[in-house]
Protein backbone atom coordinates (compact mmCIF):
# COMPACT_ATOMS: atom_id res chain seq x y z
CA MET A 1 0.14 0.01 -0.18
CA GLY A 2 1.34 3.66 -0.62
CA GLU A 3 1.78 6.35 1.23
CA ASP A 4 -1.84 7.77 0.91
CA SER A 5 -3.44 5.01 2.37
CA LYS A 6 -0.47 5.35 5.50
CA ALA A 7 -1.93 8.94 5.57
CA ILE A 8 -5.31 8.09 5.58
CA ASN A 9 -5.31 5.49 8.12
CA GLN A 10 -3.50 7.83 10.50
CA LYS A 11 -6.54 10.13 10.40
CA GLY A 12 -9.08 7.26 10.78
CA GLN A 13 -7.59 7.09 14.34
CA LEU A 14 -10.88 7.63 17.16
CA LEU A 15 -10.14 9.08 19.83
CA SER A 16 -11.87 7.82 23.31
CA PHE A 17 -14.20 9.54 25.24
CA VAL A 18 -14.47 9.09 28.90
CA PRO A 19 -17.44 11.28 29.72
CA THR A 20 -16.47 12.86 33.74
CA GLY A 21 -18.92 13.69 36.50
CA GLU A 22 -18.43 17.40 35.56
CA TYR A 23 -19.58 16.53 31.43
CA TYR A 24 -23.33 15.13 32.87
CA PHE A 25 -23.27 18.04 35.36
CA THR A 26 -22.94 20.52 32.25
CA LYS A 27 -25.30 18.53 30.47
CA GLY A 28 -27.55 18.66 33.10
CA VAL A 29 -27.43 22.68 33.42
CA LYS A 30 -28.99 22.89 30.01
CA ALA A 31 -31.36 20.20 30.61
CA TYR A 32 -32.45 21.93 33.93
CA GLN A 33 -32.77 25.76 31.82
CA ARG A 34 -34.44 23.97 29.81
CA ARG A 35 -36.70 23.19 31.89
CA ASP A 36 -36.49 19.21 31.20
CA LEU A 37 -36.45 18.11 33.96
CA LEU A 38 -36.60 14.91 33.25
CA ARG A 39 -33.60 14.96 31.95
CA ALA A 40 -31.76 16.93 33.65
CA HIS A 41 -32.46 14.51 36.57
CA LYS A 42 -30.92 11.56 34.59
CA TYR A 43 -27.68 13.14 33.60
CA PHE A 44 -27.04 14.97 37.44
CA SER A 45 -27.89 11.57 38.71
CA ARG A 46 -25.20 10.15 36.22
CA ALA A 47 -23.18 13.10 37.07
CA MET A 48 -23.21 11.75 41.16
CA GLN A 49 -22.81 8.66 40.02
CA LEU A 50 -18.99 9.40 38.35
CA GLU A 51 -18.31 11.43 41.71
CA PRO A 52 -20.16 10.55 44.70
CA GLY A 53 -17.99 13.05 47.08
CA GLU A 54 -19.43 16.42 45.31
CA PRO A 55 -21.63 18.59 46.79
CA MET A 56 -23.07 20.70 43.96
CA ILE A 57 -23.52 17.89 42.22
CA ILE A 58 -25.72 16.30 44.34
CA CYS A 59 -27.55 19.47 45.76
CA GLN A 60 -28.19 20.66 42.07
CA LEU A 61 -29.77 16.88 41.68
CA ALA A 62 -31.26 17.61 45.03
CA ILE A 63 -33.44 20.55 43.72
CA VAL A 64 -34.96 19.25 40.12
CA SER A 65 -36.19 16.07 42.59
CA THR A 66 -37.68 18.82 44.62
CA GLU A 67 -39.29 20.04 41.94
CA LEU A 68 -40.52 16.59 40.34
CA GLY A 69 -42.36 15.86 43.54
CA GLU A 70 -39.25 13.83 45.10
CA TYR A 71 -39.86 15.24 48.76
CA GLN A 72 -38.58 12.44 50.42
CA GLN A 73 -35.50 11.90 47.67
CA SER A 74 -34.78 15.30 48.03
CA ILE A 75 -34.62 14.94 51.64
CA SER A 76 -31.93 12.43 52.45
CA LEU A 77 -29.71 13.81 49.39
CA LEU A 78 -29.37 17.71 51.21
CA LYS A 79 -28.86 16.06 55.11
CA MET A 80 -26.39 13.49 53.12
CA ILE A 81 -24.42 16.71 51.86
CA LEU A 82 -24.95 18.30 55.62
CA GLU A 83 -24.27 14.99 57.47
CA GLU A 84 -21.45 13.65 55.15
CA LEU A 85 -19.77 15.89 52.38
CA ASP A 86 -19.90 19.71 53.67
CA GLU A 87 -21.89 21.47 56.25
CA GLU A 88 -20.98 24.90 56.10
CA MET A 89 -23.16 24.30 52.67
CA VAL A 90 -26.19 25.97 54.39
CA GLU A 91 -28.52 27.12 51.70
CA CYS A 92 -29.53 22.79 52.14
CA HIS A 93 -30.86 24.37 55.27
CA TYR A 94 -33.75 26.39 53.18
CA PHE A 95 -33.91 23.52 49.91
CA LEU A 96 -34.71 21.45 53.68
CA ALA A 97 -37.61 23.51 54.16
CA ASN A 98 -38.87 24.26 51.24
CA ASN A 99 -39.23 20.36 50.69
CA TYR A 100 -40.67 20.04 54.52
CA ALA A 101 -43.23 22.66 53.82
CA HIS A 102 -44.31 21.07 50.34
CA LEU A 103 -44.57 17.55 52.71
CA GLY A 104 -46.96 19.57 54.96
CA LEU A 105 -44.52 18.42 57.68
CA PHE A 106 -44.96 22.31 59.21
CA LYS A 107 -42.83 21.23 62.15
CA ASP A 108 -39.47 20.60 60.32
CA ALA A 109 -39.81 23.19 57.70
CA TYR A 110 -40.16 26.47 60.05
CA HIS A 111 -37.01 24.66 61.84
CA TYR A 112 -35.14 24.66 59.07
CA ALA A 113 -35.99 28.06 58.06
CA ASN A 114 -35.34 29.78 60.75
CA LEU A 115 -31.81 27.73 60.87
CA TYR A 116 -30.69 28.74 57.28
CA LEU A 117 -31.53 32.43 58.40
CA GLU A 118 -29.34 32.39 61.89
CA LEU A 119 -26.56 30.77 59.72
CA THR A 120 -26.87 33.94 57.29
CA ARG A 121 -29.17 36.93 57.37
CA ASP A 122 -27.82 38.19 54.47
CA GLY A 123 -27.53 34.83 52.09
CA GLU A 124 -28.76 34.09 48.43
CA PHE A 125 -32.53 32.44 49.89
CA SER A 126 -33.24 35.19 52.89
CA ASP A 127 -35.86 36.88 51.20
CA ASP A 128 -37.35 33.26 50.07
CA ALA A 129 -36.78 31.69 53.89
CA GLU A 130 -38.98 34.34 55.43
CA GLU A 131 -42.04 34.64 52.79
CA LEU A 132 -41.47 31.14 53.35
CA LEU A 133 -42.01 31.07 57.18
CA GLU A 134 -44.91 33.43 56.75
CA LEU A 135 -46.38 30.66 54.25
CA ILE A 136 -46.76 28.53 57.03
CA MET A 137 -47.83 30.81 59.57
CA LEU A 138 -51.15 31.20 56.61
CA GLU A 139 -51.00 27.58 55.72
CA ALA A 140 -51.09 26.24 59.74
CA ASP A 141 -53.78 28.42 60.96
CA ASP A 142 -52.99 27.25 63.67
CA LEU A 143 -49.09 26.36 64.15
CA GLU A 144 -49.15 24.74 67.10
CA GLU A 145 -51.71 22.33 66.54
CA ALA A 146 -49.98 21.48 62.78
CA LEU A 147 -46.59 21.12 64.82
CA PHE A 148 -49.03 18.48 67.01
CA GLU A 149 -50.49 16.57 64.56
CA GLU A 150 -46.28 15.97 62.33
CA ASP A 151 -45.02 15.13 66.22
CA SER A 152 -48.28 12.72 66.57
CA LEU A 153 -47.41 11.07 62.62
CA ILE A 154 -43.79 10.43 63.58
CA VAL A 155 -44.97 9.25 67.12
CA LYS A 156 -47.65 6.67 65.16
CA GLN A 157 -45.47 5.89 62.91
CA GLU A 158 -42.79 4.28 65.22
CA GLU A 159 -45.30 2.52 67.18
CA ALA A 160 -47.01 0.95 64.13
CA ARG A 161 -42.59 -0.65 63.66
CA SER A 162 -42.34 -1.50 67.06
CA LEU A 163 -45.54 -3.41 67.21
CA LEU A 164 -44.85 -4.92 63.57
CA GLU A 165 -41.74 -5.48 65.06
CA ALA A 166 -42.76 -7.53 67.27
CA GLY A 167 -45.37 -9.64 65.42
CA GLU A 168 -48.46 -7.54 66.62
CA PHE A 169 -49.20 -7.59 63.18
CA LEU A 170 -53.44 -6.40 63.75
CA ARG A 171 -52.81 -3.32 66.21
CA ALA A 172 -50.04 -2.57 63.59
CA ILE A 173 -52.06 -2.68 60.55
CA ASP A 174 -54.93 -0.53 63.11
CA ILE A 175 -52.42 2.35 63.16
CA PHE A 176 -51.20 1.96 59.63
CA GLU A 177 -54.01 2.01 58.30
CA GLU A 178 -55.10 5.61 60.07
CA LEU A 179 -51.42 6.71 58.96
CA ILE A 180 -52.68 6.39 55.32
CA GLU A 181 -56.54 7.94 55.94
CA GLU A 182 -54.57 11.72 57.21
CA TYR A 183 -51.03 11.57 54.95
CA PRO A 184 -52.56 9.61 51.87
CA GLU A 185 -48.78 9.91 50.09
CA TYR A 186 -47.02 8.18 53.30
CA TRP A 187 -45.70 5.47 51.56
CA SER A 188 -43.29 4.20 53.88
CA ALA A 189 -46.61 3.36 55.56
CA TYR A 190 -48.48 1.53 52.69
CA ASN A 191 -45.23 -0.67 52.42
CA ASN A 192 -45.69 -1.76 55.95
CA LEU A 193 -49.50 -2.13 55.75
CA ALA A 194 -48.18 -4.42 53.24
CA LEU A 195 -46.32 -6.45 55.12
CA ALA A 196 -48.33 -6.17 58.06
CA ASN A 197 -50.89 -8.04 56.28
CA PHE A 198 -48.88 -10.41 54.62
CA TYR A 199 -47.46 -11.72 57.76
CA LEU A 200 -50.46 -12.80 58.78
CA GLY A 201 -51.38 -14.79 56.04
CA HIS A 202 -53.42 -11.94 53.75
CA GLN A 203 -50.96 -12.76 50.51
CA VAL A 204 -53.11 -11.15 47.99
CA LYS A 205 -54.60 -7.91 49.75
CA ALA A 206 -50.39 -7.75 50.78
CA ASN A 207 -49.82 -7.60 46.55
CA GLU A 208 -52.62 -5.30 46.59
CA ILE A 209 -51.23 -2.83 48.65
CA LEU A 210 -48.10 -2.87 46.66
CA ASP A 211 -49.87 -2.66 43.63
CA GLN A 212 -51.67 0.89 44.86
CA VAL A 213 -47.71 2.38 45.82
CA LEU A 214 -47.09 1.15 42.41
CA VAL A 215 -49.35 2.74 40.47
CA GLN A 216 -49.61 5.72 42.19
CA ASN A 217 -45.45 6.02 42.93
CA PRO A 218 -43.86 3.87 39.85
CA GLY A 219 -40.78 2.91 40.54
CA ASN A 220 -41.23 2.98 44.23
CA LEU A 221 -37.91 0.65 45.41
CA HIS A 222 -39.44 -0.04 48.36
CA ALA A 223 -42.34 -1.83 46.96
CA LEU A 224 -40.56 -3.68 44.85
CA CYS A 225 -38.51 -5.22 47.29
CA ASN A 226 -41.42 -6.15 48.86
CA LYS A 227 -42.87 -8.09 46.10
CA LEU A 228 -40.11 -9.59 45.34
CA VAL A 229 -39.98 -11.17 49.18
CA PHE A 230 -43.42 -12.07 48.74
CA ALA A 231 -43.07 -13.90 45.79
CA TYR A 232 -39.93 -15.83 46.89
CA TYR A 233 -41.86 -16.95 50.38
CA GLN A 234 -45.05 -18.10 48.07
CA LYS A 235 -42.53 -20.08 45.54
CA ARG A 236 -43.45 -17.85 42.77
CA SER A 237 -40.52 -18.72 40.97
CA GLU A 238 -40.93 -17.22 37.01
CA ASP A 239 -41.70 -13.81 39.49
CA VAL A 240 -38.98 -13.80 41.50
CA GLN A 241 -36.68 -14.23 38.38
CA THR A 242 -38.73 -11.40 37.01
CA LEU A 243 -38.09 -8.89 39.93
CA VAL A 244 -34.57 -10.03 39.88
CA ALA A 245 -34.12 -8.96 36.88
CA THR A 246 -36.00 -5.11 37.45
CA LEU A 247 -33.97 -4.68 40.40
CA ALA A 248 -30.60 -5.77 38.96
CA LYS A 249 -30.59 -2.83 36.56
CA ILE A 250 -31.66 -0.26 39.21
CA GLN A 251 -28.92 2.32 40.38
CA PRO A 252 -29.79 3.72 43.58
CA LEU A 253 -28.06 6.00 45.01
CA LEU A 254 -29.54 6.98 48.61
CA ALA A 255 -28.22 5.37 50.82
CA GLU A 256 -31.74 3.83 52.35
CA GLN A 257 -31.94 2.54 49.14
CA GLN A 258 -28.50 0.37 48.27
CA PHE A 259 -29.39 -0.92 51.92
CA LYS A 260 -33.02 -2.42 50.80
CA LEU A 261 -31.85 -3.68 47.59
CA GLY A 262 -28.79 -5.37 49.15
CA ALA A 263 -30.72 -6.96 52.31
CA THR A 264 -33.31 -8.06 49.88
CA PHE A 265 -31.13 -9.67 47.73
CA SER A 266 -29.16 -11.35 50.13
CA LEU A 267 -32.73 -12.44 51.95
CA ILE A 268 -33.58 -14.34 49.06
CA GLY A 269 -30.94 -16.07 48.24
CA GLU A 270 -28.75 -13.41 45.75
CA TYR A 271 -25.69 -13.06 47.90
CA GLU A 272 -23.27 -11.39 44.92
CA LEU A 273 -25.99 -8.75 44.12
CA GLY A 274 -26.73 -8.40 48.02
CA TYR A 275 -22.81 -8.44 48.26
CA LYS A 276 -22.33 -5.17 45.71
CA TRP A 277 -25.04 -3.82 46.88
CA LEU A 278 -23.96 -3.63 50.84
CA ASN A 279 -20.15 -4.11 50.57
CA ARG A 280 -20.39 -0.44 48.24
CA LEU A 281 -21.88 0.81 51.19
CA ARG A 282 -18.98 -0.47 53.67
CA LYS A 283 -16.21 1.58 51.45
CA TYR A 284 -17.77 4.95 50.81
CA GLY A 285 -18.07 4.83 55.30
CA HIS A 286 -21.14 4.27 55.23
CA GLU A 287 -21.99 2.78 58.80
CA GLY A 288 -24.77 0.79 59.43
CA ASP A 289 -26.62 -0.43 62.44
CA GLY A 290 -26.74 -4.42 63.16
CA ALA A 291 -29.00 -5.24 60.99
CA PHE A 292 -26.89 -3.61 57.69
CA TYR A 293 -23.65 -5.99 59.52
CA TYR A 294 -26.19 -9.00 59.89
CA TRP A 295 -27.47 -9.09 56.22
CA LEU A 296 -23.21 -7.56 55.05
CA ALA A 297 -22.02 -10.66 57.39
CA HIS A 298 -24.22 -13.46 55.64
CA SER A 299 -23.56 -11.94 51.68
CA SER A 300 -19.93 -12.04 52.78
CA TYR A 301 -20.41 -15.54 54.01
CA HIS A 302 -21.98 -17.38 50.75
CA THR A 303 -20.11 -16.04 47.91
CA GLY A 304 -17.11 -17.37 49.86
CA ARG A 305 -15.23 -14.61 51.78
CA GLU A 306 -15.78 -15.88 55.23
CA GLN A 307 -13.32 -14.52 56.88
CA ALA A 308 -14.52 -10.97 56.57
CA ALA A 309 -18.15 -12.58 57.25
CA LYS A 310 -16.38 -13.51 60.27
CA ASN A 311 -14.99 -10.17 60.31
CA HIS A 312 -18.13 -8.45 59.87
CA TRP A 313 -20.17 -10.53 62.86
CA LYS A 314 -18.05 -9.56 65.32
CA LYS A 315 -20.11 -6.32 64.34
CA VAL A 316 -23.27 -7.70 65.04
CA LEU A 317 -23.29 -9.25 68.14
CA GLU A 318 -21.94 -5.50 68.79
CA TYR A 319 -25.02 -4.48 68.58
CA SER A 320 -27.51 -7.19 69.05
CA PRO A 321 -25.35 -9.75 71.77
CA GLU A 322 -28.21 -12.31 71.05
CA LYS A 323 -27.36 -12.90 67.38
CA ALA A 324 -24.95 -15.40 69.39
CA GLY A 325 -25.41 -18.96 67.85
CA HIS A 326 -27.27 -17.62 64.76
CA GLU A 327 -23.95 -17.08 62.93
CA PRO A 328 -24.78 -17.74 58.69
CA TRP A 329 -22.08 -20.49 58.96
CA GLY A 330 -24.07 -22.41 61.83
CA ILE A 331 -25.48 -25.87 61.13
CA GLN A 332 -28.92 -24.43 60.81
CA GLU A 333 -30.43 -20.81 60.07
CA LEU A 334 -33.50 -20.36 62.43
CA GLY A 335 -37.05 -19.12 61.08
CA LEU A 336 -37.80 -15.34 61.70
CA ASP A 337 -40.43 -16.02 64.67
CA THR A 338 -37.32 -18.80 66.00
CA GLN A 339 -35.56 -16.41 67.23
CA VAL A 340 -35.12 -15.45 70.90
CA THR A 341 -36.07 -11.57 70.93
CA THR A 342 -38.81 -11.96 68.65
CA ILE A 343 -40.23 -14.31 71.09
CA ILE A 344 -39.66 -12.63 73.94
CA LYS A 345 -41.36 -9.50 72.00
CA ARG A 346 -44.27 -11.27 71.35
CA PHE A 347 -44.91 -12.43 75.66
CA GLN A 348 -45.13 -8.79 76.81
CA SER A 349 -48.31 -8.29 74.13
CA GLU A 350 -51.55 -7.11 74.88
CA HIS A 351 -53.10 -10.04 72.48
CA PRO A 352 -53.25 -12.90 73.85
CA GLU A 353 -53.07 -15.10 70.68
CA GLU A 354 -49.57 -13.58 70.73
CA ARG A 355 -48.92 -14.41 74.73
CA LEU A 356 -50.06 -18.08 73.45
CA PHE A 357 -47.59 -18.26 70.68
CA ALA A 358 -44.56 -17.16 71.89
CA LEU A 359 -45.18 -20.01 74.40
CA PHE A 360 -45.88 -22.37 71.97
CA LEU A 361 -42.63 -20.83 69.85
CA THR A 362 -40.92 -21.63 73.07
CA SER A 363 -41.39 -25.20 72.80
CA VAL A 364 -40.80 -25.86 69.78
CA SER A 365 -36.95 -23.25 70.44
CA GLY A 366 -33.64 -24.09 70.23
CA GLN A 367 -33.09 -21.90 72.86
CA LYS A 368 -36.27 -23.07 75.02
CA GLU A 369 -33.78 -21.95 78.38
CA GLU A 370 -32.54 -18.73 76.70
CA ILE A 371 -35.65 -17.49 76.64
CA LEU A 372 -37.74 -18.92 79.95
CA SER A 373 -34.57 -17.24 81.75
CA ALA A 374 -35.31 -14.12 80.47
CA ASN A 375 -37.01 -11.21 82.80
CA LYS A 376 -40.76 -10.76 82.48
CA ILE A 377 -42.22 -12.80 80.29
CA ALA A 378 -45.15 -13.98 82.65
CA ASP A 379 -45.49 -10.81 84.08
CA ASN A 380 -48.45 -9.51 81.59
CA LEU A 381 -49.46 -14.04 81.28
CA THR A 382 -52.98 -14.94 82.23
CA GLY A 383 -53.78 -17.82 84.91
CA LEU A 384 -54.75 -20.07 81.54
CA GLU A 385 -51.49 -18.91 79.78
CA LYS A 386 -49.14 -19.10 82.64
CA SER A 387 -50.45 -23.29 82.98
CA TYR A 388 -49.50 -22.78 79.39
CA LEU A 389 -45.54 -21.78 80.64
CA SER A 390 -45.52 -24.09 83.43
CA TYR A 391 -46.20 -26.74 81.15
CA VAL A 392 -43.62 -25.81 78.82
CA GLN A 393 -41.38 -25.40 81.63
CA SER A 394 -41.28 -28.41 83.09
CA GLY A 395 -43.09 -31.09 80.38
CA THR A 396 -45.21 -32.09 83.22
CA PHE A 397 -49.19 -32.86 82.76
CA ASN A 398 -50.89 -31.28 86.07
CA PRO A 399 -54.73 -31.81 86.78
CA GLY A 400 -56.63 -29.01 85.33
CA MET A 401 -53.72 -28.47 82.36
CA GLU A 402 -56.16 -30.45 79.91
CA PRO A 403 -57.32 -27.10 77.92
CA VAL A 404 -53.63 -26.42 77.44
CA ILE A 405 -52.91 -29.50 76.67
CA GLY A 406 -55.67 -29.23 73.51
CA ALA A 407 -54.23 -25.86 72.31
CA HIS A 408 -50.83 -26.39 73.02
CA GLU A 409 -51.37 -30.61 70.69
CA THR A 410 -53.86 -29.20 68.58
CA ALA A 411 -50.52 -26.65 67.50
CA LEU A 412 -48.16 -29.73 66.79
CA VAL A 413 -50.26 -30.88 64.41
CA LEU A 414 -50.45 -27.70 62.33
CA TYR A 415 -46.45 -27.99 63.15
CA ASP A 416 -46.16 -31.28 61.74
CA PHE A 417 -47.77 -29.37 57.91
CA HIS A 418 -46.20 -25.79 58.43
CA GLN A 419 -42.82 -25.40 59.60
CA PRO A 420 -40.00 -23.29 59.91
CA ILE A 421 -42.11 -20.76 61.27
CA ASP A 422 -41.76 -17.83 58.72
CA HIS A 423 -43.04 -14.42 59.22
CA GLU A 424 -46.10 -16.15 56.66
CA GLU A 425 -46.56 -19.18 58.66
CA ALA A 426 -46.75 -17.16 61.44
CA GLY A 427 -50.60 -16.57 60.83
CA ILE A 428 -52.49 -19.88 60.70
CA TYR A 429 -50.51 -20.13 64.30
CA LEU A 430 -51.95 -17.32 65.56
CA ILE A 431 -55.36 -17.81 64.56
CA TRP A 432 -55.40 -20.74 65.86
CA PHE A 433 -55.10 -19.45 69.04
CA ALA A 434 -57.04 -16.27 68.94
CA VAL A 435 -59.81 -19.55 68.46
CA PHE A 436 -58.17 -21.38 71.58
CA ASP A 437 -58.69 -18.27 73.95
CA LYS A 438 -62.74 -17.94 72.62
CA ALA A 439 -62.81 -21.71 72.85
CA VAL A 440 -61.67 -22.32 76.59
CA LYS A 441 -64.14 -19.52 77.38
CA ASP A 442 -67.29 -21.04 75.58
CA GLY A 443 -66.48 -24.61 77.66
CA PHE A 444 -65.68 -26.46 74.24
CA ASN A 445 -63.40 -29.40 74.53
CA PHE A 446 -60.38 -30.33 71.79
CA LYS A 447 -60.65 -34.10 72.34
CA ASN A 448 -60.34 -33.90 68.46
CA LYS A 449 -56.96 -31.46 67.49
CA LYS A 450 -57.15 -33.02 64.03
CA ALA A 451 -60.15 -31.68 63.40
CA TRP A 452 -60.09 -28.08 64.74
CA ALA A 453 -56.32 -27.93 63.20
CA ALA A 454 -58.28 -28.89 59.40
CA ALA A 455 -60.06 -26.23 60.65
CA VAL A 456 -57.94 -23.33 61.40
CA GLU A 457 -55.88 -24.53 57.96
CA PHE A 458 -59.18 -24.08 55.66
CA VAL A 459 -59.74 -20.58 56.97
CA TRP A 460 -56.55 -19.38 57.10
CA GLU A 461 -56.15 -20.68 53.29
CA LYS A 462 -59.68 -18.32 53.03
CA LEU A 463 -58.78 -15.90 54.71
CA ARG A 464 -55.59 -15.65 52.33
CA GLU A 465 -58.08 -16.25 49.46
CA GLY A 466 -56.01 -19.42 48.64
CA LYS A 467 -57.58 -22.06 46.05
CA ILE A 468 -58.08 -24.94 48.44
CA THR A 469 -60.92 -27.30 49.02
CA LYS A 470 -62.33 -29.37 51.94
CA ILE A 471 -62.55 -32.46 49.75
CA ALA A 472 -58.54 -31.47 49.85
CA VAL A 473 -58.03 -30.70 53.73
CA ALA A 474 -60.05 -33.37 54.88
CA LYS A 475 -57.90 -35.61 53.10
CA LYS A 476 -55.01 -34.33 54.40
CA TYR A 477 -56.26 -34.66 58.08
CA GLY A 478 -57.21 -37.95 57.43
CA LEU A 479 -61.61 -36.32 58.98
CA SER A 480 -64.81 -36.82 57.38
CA VAL A 481 -65.97 -33.85 55.22
CA SER A 482 -68.87 -33.78 57.80
CA THR A 483 -66.60 -33.17 60.45
CA LEU A 484 -64.78 -31.27 59.03
CA ASN A 485 -67.71 -28.91 58.86
CA LYS A 486 -68.86 -29.03 61.89
CA TYR A 487 -65.41 -27.73 62.83
CA ILE A 488 -65.07 -24.81 60.11
CA ASP A 489 -68.71 -23.28 61.95
CA LEU A 490 -66.90 -23.13 64.98
CA VAL A 491 -63.97 -22.04 64.36
CA GLY A 492 -66.11 -18.89 62.59
CA GLU A 493 -67.88 -18.65 65.94
CA CYS A 494 -65.18 -18.10 67.12
CA LEU A 495 -63.43 -15.51 65.93
CA GLU A 496 -66.29 -14.00 65.33
C-alpha cells in the first residue's frame, strides 16, 4: 500500500471519549435551564455516580427532585450533603425547609427555615426563607396544632413499626391504616401495611397494597423489594426471576435504598447482588446498624468471603448480642419467628393469641432455656397462660391442664405441616390461638386435635384467598368432610 493509504489510516484513528461527572453536570444544567426536568434528573444522577463526593452535583439533583415532586429523595440528598460532605453548605437548610413545607410537615419546615436565617441573614435565599415562614403561618392557622399533628405522625409511625417488629400485626395494621387515611401519599405506611398483612397470611391483600403504591408512585423501590420477598416466600419462581431482573438494573443513589436492595437480594439468596450493594455502602464509609452488618455478613459468607463475614459478624454482636449462635456458617439458620428476641417481645403483647403463640414457639425453639430465663416474661400472662408456661417449663401434665394440652397438641398438629415458622406461616398459629382463647371461655373441648387444626387451616387459606377445597383438607388430616364442616363452623363462631 502507498503513502496515501498510510495517511488515511493515521487520519482515521479514533480517540476514546470518557465522560466525567463535570460533563454530565453541564448537560444537566442545560437541560434544567430548558425546563427538561426528567433529562436534567438523569444527567445529574449520572454525574453523582461518577463523582459521589461532589456536594454541588448532589445539591442540584436535590433541587430537580423537589421540582419533580420527589420530596423525600430530595430530603435524603440534602441531609447527605450536610451530614457527610459539607456542613457549611447552608443553603441546604432552606431547600430542606421547602421540601418539608411541600409535605405538610410544618414543624421541620419551620425549624430549617429559621436555622437558615440564623446561619446567614444576608444569604441568597433569605427573602425566600422569610416568605416561606409567613406562608407556613398562613397555611397552618394554628401552628402549634400543626406541629402537634406532625409529632403525632412521628409517634404513630414509630409505634406501628415497633408493633410490626414485635409481631403484633393486628395492632400495627390499625395504626398504618390510620396513617394512610391522614396522609394518603405516605408510601412507607403502605409498604409496612403490606408487610403486616403478609405476615398474617393475607397474601392477596398484601400484594394489592403494593400494586396500589406502584400505580400511584411508579418505581417505588421499597414496594418492588417487598413484592420480590413476597414472591420468594410464596415460591412463585417466575415472578422472582422477573423482579430480580428488574431490580438488578436499578442503580439507587441513596444509602437507604442501596441497603434495602442489598438486604432484599441477600434475604432471597441472591448473595452476589446483595454483597455488591452492601459492600459498596461499606466502602463509602456507611456507618450501618446491626441489620446492615447482619446481611453483609450473610452475603459475604455465601459468596466465599468467610474471613470478611466473621469480621462483620463481630459488628452484629456489638449491636445485638442475642444473635450469638445465629451465625451464617451455623448448622441451621432459624426462622424469623423462632428467634429469641422476637419470642420475648410476643410475651409482652396485649393480645392473648400473641402470648399463647410465644409459649408454643418457646416449646419448639432450640433456645428454650434462654427464653425461659429472660426477665418478666410471665408478668403479662393470665392464669391460663401461666398454666401453659408451667407445662412448657416442666413438660409435666397436672390436673386442670386439659385445655392447655389440647391447645398445645393442636398447634403441634399444625406444626407437622407448617414449619419452619417464618412470618408467612405465623398467621395460621395466630388464628389457632385466637380461636383457642375464645373456645376455652365458651367451654369447648379439644379432644379432636386434627379436626381443630384442619378447620383452622381451611379458614386461614380462605382468608389468604388461597385455592383450597374441603375435600383436600379433610383428606390431608384424615377426616370426613362432615366432621371438617362441623369444626369450620366452630372456628367461625370463635372468630366472630
